[in-house]
Amino acid sequence: MENFFDEAAISAMNAIISNKQLYADLQSIAISDKVAMNTVIAERAFDIAKAMLDEHNKRCTKEIKVY
């Protein structure tokens, strides 16, 4: 499960960096909160990865109940 979370976090970070509008929005947050941009990206990537893991766990739980 840890490996899935790491992969999800890396995918989320790559998606954030490649999405110019989202990156600009996060840059505004970093400036207004006076924190490093990599901190904001990491926090958002963590949130996305956690949501992906939660969704994965829901699907696994449904599959277990079906069988």
C-alpha atoms as a PDB file:
ATOM      1  CA  MET A   1       0.000   0.000   0.000  1.00  0.00           C
ATOM      2  CA  GLU A   2       2.898   2.313   0.765  1.00  0.00           C
ATOM      3  CA  ASN A   3       4.214   1.854  -2.778  1.00  0.00           C
ATOM      4  CA  PHE A   4       0.797   2.755  -4.220  1.00  0.00           C
ATOM      5  CA  PHE A   5       0.757   5.944  -2.149  1.00  0.00           C
ATOM      6  CA  ASP A   6       4.281   6.892  -3.277  1.00  0.00           C
ATOM      7  CA  GLU A   7       3.359   6.357  -6.924  1.00  0.00           C
ATOM      8  CA  ALA A   8       0.145   8.342  -6.487  1.00  0.00           C
ATOM      9  CA  ALA A   9       2.050  11.217  -4.886  1.00  0.00           C
ATOM     10  CA  ILE A  10       4.624  11.271  -7.689  1.00  0.00           C
ATOM     11  CA  SER A  11       1.874  11.198 -10.321  1.00  0.00           C
ATOM     12  CA  ALA A  12       0.057  14.006  -8.534  1.00  0.00           C
ATOM     13  CA  MET A  13       3.210  16.132  -8.362  1.00  0.00           C
ATOM     14  CA  ASN A  14       3.881  15.609 -12.065  1.00  0.00           C
ATOM     15  CA  ALA A  15       0.290  16.513 -12.912  1.00  0.00           C
ATOM     16  CA  ILE A  16       0.476  19.679 -10.815  1.00  0.00           C
ATOM     17  CA  ILE A  17       3.733  20.773 -12.402  1.00  0.00           C
ATOM     18  CA  SER A  18       2.451  20.143 -15.942  1.00  0.00           C
ATOM     19  CA  ASN A  19      -0.870  21.963 -15.370  1.00  0.00           C
ATOM     20  CA  LYS A  20       0.029  25.617 -15.929  1.00  0.00           C
ATOM     21  CA  GLN A  21      -3.184  27.020 -14.430  1.00  0.00           C
ATOM     22  CA  LEU A  22      -3.009  24.864 -11.310  1.00  0.00           C
ATOM     23  CA  TYR A  23       0.682  25.672 -10.937  1.00  0.00           C
ATOM     24  CA  ALA A  24      -0.088  29.395 -11.178  1.00  0.00           C
ATOM     25  CA  ASP A  25      -2.858  29.037  -8.580  1.00  0.00           C
ATOM     26  CA  LEU A  26      -0.504  27.236  -6.226  1.00  0.00           C
ATOM     27  CA  GLN A  27       2.153  29.850  -6.852  1.00  0.00           C
ATOM     28  CA  SER A  28      -0.319  32.519  -5.714  1.00  0.00           C
ATOM     29  CA  ILE A  29      -0.995  30.500  -2.550  1.00  0.00           C
ATOM     30  CA  ALA A  30       2.733  30.145  -1.892  1.00  0.00           C
ATOM     31  CA  ILE A  31       3.259  33.884  -2.269  1.00  0.00           C
ATOM     32  CA  SER A  32       0.303  34.856  -0.104  1.00  0.00           C
ATOM     33  CA  ASP A  33       1.205  32.303   2.601  1.00  0.00           C
ATOM     34  CA  LYS A  34       4.906  33.179   2.313  1.00  0.00           C
ATOM     35  CA  VAL A  35       5.982  29.553   1.967  1.00  0.00           C
ATOM     36  CA  ALA A  36       8.185  27.760  -0.536  1.00  0.00           C
ATOM     37  CA  MET A  37       6.543  26.630  -3.751  1.00  0.00           C
ATOM     38  CA  ASN A  38       7.760  23.056  -3.284  1.00  0.00           C
ATOM     39  CA  THR A  39       5.963  22.975   0.080  1.00  0.00           C
ATOM     40  CA  VAL A  40       2.673  23.972  -1.521  1.00  0.00           C
ATOM     41  CA  ILE A  41       3.109  21.437  -4.336  1.00  0.00           C
ATOM     42  CA  ALA A  42       3.993  18.686  -1.864  1.00  0.00           C
ATOM     43  CA  GLU A  43       0.957  19.462   0.303  1.00  0.00           C
ATOM     44  CA  ARG A  44      -1.388  19.429  -2.688  1.00  0.00           C
ATOM     45  CA  ALA A  45       0.208  16.242  -4.048  1.00  0.00           C
ATOM     46  CA  PHE A  46      -0.234  14.615  -0.634  1.00  0.00           C
ATOM     47  CA  ASP A  47      -3.926  15.590  -0.602  1.00  0.00           C
ATOM     48  CA  ILE A  48      -4.434  14.185  -4.106  1.00  0.00           C
ATOM     49  CA  ALA A  49      -2.536  10.984  -3.319  1.00  0.00           C
ATOM     50  CA  LYS A  50      -4.540  10.492  -0.124  1.00  0.00           C
ATOM     51  CA  ALA A  51      -7.781  10.923  -2.062  1.00  0.00           C
ATOM     52  CA  MET A  52      -6.569   8.407  -4.653  1.00  0.00           C
ATOM     53  CA  LEU A  53      -5.640   5.931  -1.903  1.00  0.00           C
ATOM     54  CA  ASP A  54      -9.014   6.400  -0.200  1.00  0.00           C
ATOM     55  CA  GLU A  55     -10.787   5.755  -3.501  1.00  0.00           C
ATOM     56  CA  HIS A  56      -8.635   2.687  -4.115  1.00  0.00           C
ATOM     57  CA  ASN A  57      -9.480   1.366  -0.652  1.00  0.00           C
ATOM     58  CA  LYS A  58     -13.209   1.909  -1.248  1.00  0.00           C
ATOM     59  CA  ARG A  59     -13.048  -0.083  -4.479  1.00  0.00           C
ATOM     60  CA  CYS A  60     -11.101  -2.891  -2.802  1.00  0.00           C
ATOM     61  CA  THR A  61     -13.608  -3.012   0.049  1.00  0.00           C
ATOM     62  CA  LYS A  62     -16.506  -3.215  -2.437  1.00  0.00           C
ATOM     63  CA  GLU A  63     -14.758  -6.006  -4.348  1.00  0.00           C
ATOM     64  CA  ILE A  64     -14.164  -7.967  -1.147  1.00  0.00           C
ATOM     65  CA  LYS A  65     -17.826  -7.658  -0.166  1.00  0.00           C
ATOM     66  CA  VAL A  66     -18.930  -8.876  -3.601  1.00  0.00           C
ATOM     67  CA  TYR A  67     -16.900 -12.077  -3.417  1.00  0.00           C
END
